[in-house]
Amino acid sequence: LKSLQYLNLGFNNLCELPSILPKLKDLTEVIAGSNCLSYIPKEICDMNLKVLDVTPNPLQKPPSQTCELGLEAMRRYYEYLEEASTKLGPEAMRRY
């Protein structure tokens, strides 16, 4: 499992991605479309992935429109939130 490079989790009715994913250091491609995902954790976006395909899903964080643009857009979304949190404070960021 440690040398796993490709993982297809599509069409499994998953409501969240497995928490073990960030521990799979050789993983470069994750396909998780057609599930029930509403949230993609920042830790997943921070992985050394080349592909993270999570569409279609009822995504809210990052928003579906962002996820449709790909992994780099998801990473920029979380970078923006971190930057905004620093400027506005964590209380103001709770709604995002």
C-alpha atoms as a PDB file:
ATOM      1  CA  LEU A   1       0.000   0.000   0.000  1.00  0.00           C
ATOM      2  CA  LYS A   2       2.896   2.374   0.701  1.00  0.00           C
ATOM      3  CA  SER A   3       4.020   2.318  -2.937  1.00  0.00           C
ATOM      4  CA  LEU A   4       0.505   2.898  -4.325  1.00  0.00           C
ATOM      5  CA  GLN A   5       0.573   5.532  -7.069  1.00  0.00           C
ATOM      6  CA  TYR A   6      -2.976   5.494  -8.473  1.00  0.00           C
ATOM      7  CA  LEU A   7      -6.226   5.189  -6.539  1.00  0.00           C
ATOM      8  CA  ASN A   8      -9.721   5.202  -8.009  1.00  0.00           C
ATOM      9  CA  LEU A   9     -12.388   5.756  -5.340  1.00  0.00           C
ATOM     10  CA  GLY A  10     -15.118   6.784  -7.767  1.00  0.00           C
ATOM     11  CA  PHE A  11     -18.722   5.566  -7.458  1.00  0.00           C
ATOM     12  CA  ASN A  12     -18.412   4.379  -3.840  1.00  0.00           C
ATOM     13  CA  ASN A  13     -20.888   6.674  -2.046  1.00  0.00           C
ATOM     14  CA  LEU A  14     -18.035   8.089   0.047  1.00  0.00           C
ATOM     15  CA  CYS A  15     -18.917  11.059   2.220  1.00  0.00           C
ATOM     16  CA  GLU A  16     -15.272  11.785   3.014  1.00  0.00           C
ATOM     17  CA  LEU A  17     -11.890  10.796   1.674  1.00  0.00           C
ATOM     18  CA  PRO A  18      -9.943   8.208   3.687  1.00  0.00           C
ATOM     19  CA  SER A  19      -7.757   9.839   6.346  1.00  0.00           C
ATOM     20  CA  ILE A  20      -4.853   7.561   5.391  1.00  0.00           C
ATOM     21  CA  LEU A  21      -4.373   9.253   2.006  1.00  0.00           C
ATOM     22  CA  PRO A  22      -1.776  11.836   3.166  1.00  0.00           C
ATOM     23  CA  LYS A  23       0.346   8.960   4.509  1.00  0.00           C
ATOM     24  CA  LEU A  24       0.599   7.397   1.051  1.00  0.00           C
ATOM     25  CA  LYS A  25       3.687   9.306  -0.078  1.00  0.00           C
ATOM     26  CA  ASP A  26       3.971   7.687  -3.525  1.00  0.00           C
ATOM     27  CA  LEU A  27       0.371   8.442  -4.465  1.00  0.00           C
ATOM     28  CA  THR A  28       0.262  10.755  -7.485  1.00  0.00           C
ATOM     29  CA  GLU A  29      -3.289  10.359  -8.778  1.00  0.00           C
ATOM     30  CA  VAL A  30      -6.605  10.129  -6.926  1.00  0.00           C
ATOM     31  CA  ILE A  31      -9.930   9.787  -8.706  1.00  0.00           C
ATOM     32  CA  ALA A  32     -12.913  10.265  -6.387  1.00  0.00           C
ATOM     33  CA  GLY A  33     -15.733  11.451  -8.600  1.00  0.00           C
ATOM     34  CA  SER A  34     -19.381  10.466  -8.277  1.00  0.00           C
ATOM     35  CA  ASN A  35     -19.462  10.142  -4.511  1.00  0.00           C
ATOM     36  CA  CYS A  36     -21.108  12.218  -1.756  1.00  0.00           C
ATOM     37  CA  LEU A  37     -18.099  14.398  -0.947  1.00  0.00           C
ATOM     38  CA  SER A  38     -18.848  17.885   0.310  1.00  0.00           C
ATOM     39  CA  TYR A  39     -15.366  18.670   1.671  1.00  0.00           C
ATOM     40  CA  ILE A  40     -11.832  18.089   0.412  1.00  0.00           C
ATOM     41  CA  PRO A  41      -9.392  18.534   3.317  1.00  0.00           C
ATOM     42  CA  LYS A  42      -6.445  20.868   2.838  1.00  0.00           C
ATOM     43  CA  GLU A  43      -4.136  17.975   3.785  1.00  0.00           C
ATOM     44  CA  ILE A  44      -5.254  16.151   0.644  1.00  0.00           C
ATOM     45  CA  CYS A  45      -4.562  19.206  -1.515  1.00  0.00           C
ATOM     46  CA  ASP A  46      -1.133  19.559   0.115  1.00  0.00           C
ATOM     47  CA  MET A  47      -0.099  16.068  -0.978  1.00  0.00           C
ATOM     48  CA  ASN A  48       2.385  15.575  -3.797  1.00  0.00           C
ATOM     49  CA  LEU A  49      -0.433  14.670  -6.194  1.00  0.00           C
ATOM     50  CA  LYS A  50      -0.395  15.402  -9.887  1.00  0.00           C
ATOM     51  CA  VAL A  51      -4.116  14.670 -10.301  1.00  0.00           C
ATOM     52  CA  LEU A  52      -7.013  14.969  -7.876  1.00  0.00           C
ATOM     53  CA  ASP A  53     -10.293  14.466  -9.696  1.00  0.00           C
ATOM     54  CA  VAL A  54     -13.261  14.925  -7.344  1.00  0.00           C
ATOM     55  CA  THR A  55     -15.985  15.923  -9.800  1.00  0.00           C
ATOM     56  CA  PRO A  56     -18.878  15.380  -9.825  1.00  0.00           C
ATOM     57  CA  ASN A  57     -19.624  15.612  -6.096  1.00  0.00           C
ATOM     58  CA  PRO A  58     -21.784  17.983  -4.011  1.00  0.00           C
ATOM     59  CA  LEU A  59     -18.669  19.916  -2.972  1.00  0.00           C
ATOM     60  CA  GLN A  60     -18.887  22.962  -0.738  1.00  0.00           C
ATOM     61  CA  LYS A  61     -15.301  23.347   0.435  1.00  0.00           C
ATOM     62  CA  PRO A  62     -13.589  24.029  -1.861  1.00  0.00           C
ATOM     63  CA  PRO A  63     -16.601  24.993  -3.972  1.00  0.00           C
ATOM     64  CA  SER A  64     -17.489  22.748  -6.924  1.00  0.00           C
ATOM     65  CA  GLN A  65     -16.501  25.460  -9.401  1.00  0.00           C
ATOM     66  CA  THR A  66     -13.013  25.598  -7.884  1.00  0.00           C
ATOM     67  CA  CYS A  67     -12.609  21.810  -7.873  1.00  0.00           C
ATOM     68  CA  GLU A  68     -13.646  21.634 -11.518  1.00  0.00           C
ATOM     69  CA  LEU A  69     -10.613  23.781 -12.338  1.00  0.00           C
ATOM     70  CA  GLY A  70      -8.265  21.164 -10.869  1.00  0.00           C
ATOM     71  CA  LEU A  71      -5.801  20.597  -8.082  1.00  0.00           C
ATOM     72  CA  GLU A  72      -3.880  23.870  -8.461  1.00  0.00           C
ATOM     73  CA  ALA A  73      -7.116  25.840  -8.112  1.00  0.00           C
ATOM     74  CA  MET A  74      -7.939  23.908  -4.918  1.00  0.00           C
ATOM     75  CA  ARG A  75      -4.490  24.674  -3.546  1.00  0.00           C
ATOM     76  CA  ARG A  76      -4.923  28.396  -4.356  1.00  0.00           C
ATOM     77  CA  TYR A  77      -8.309  28.333  -2.600  1.00  0.00           C
ATOM     78  CA  TYR A  78      -6.721  27.097   0.632  1.00  0.00           C
ATOM     79  CA  GLU A  79      -3.807  29.530   0.270  1.00  0.00           C
ATOM     80  CA  TYR A  80      -6.300  32.366  -0.074  1.00  0.00           C
ATOM     81  CA  LEU A  81      -8.156  31.214   3.047  1.00  0.00           C
ATOM     82  CA  GLU A  82      -4.922  31.076   5.048  1.00  0.00           C
ATOM     83  CA  GLU A  83      -3.932  34.539   3.858  1.00  0.00           C
ATOM     84  CA  ALA A  84      -7.370  35.971   4.604  1.00  0.00           C
ATOM     85  CA  SER A  85      -7.412  34.326   8.022  1.00  0.00           C
ATOM     86  CA  THR A  86      -4.106  35.989   8.848  1.00  0.00           C
ATOM     87  CA  LYS A  87      -5.459  39.392   7.826  1.00  0.00           C
ATOM     88  CA  LEU A  88      -9.012  39.109   9.159  1.00  0.00           C
ATOM     89  CA  GLY A  89      -8.574  36.683  12.028  1.00  0.00           C
ATOM     90  CA  PRO A  90     -10.027  33.184  12.475  1.00  0.00           C
ATOM     91  CA  GLU A  91     -13.404  34.426  13.733  1.00  0.00           C
ATOM     92  CA  ALA A  92     -14.142  36.243  10.477  1.00  0.00           C
ATOM     93  CA  MET A  93     -13.161  33.164   8.450  1.00  0.00           C
ATOM     94  CA  ARG A  94     -15.538  30.659  10.068  1.00  0.00           C
ATOM     95  CA  ARG A  95     -18.128  31.174   7.321  1.00  0.00           C
ATOM     96  CA  TYR A  96     -15.600  30.122   4.653  1.00  0.00           C
END
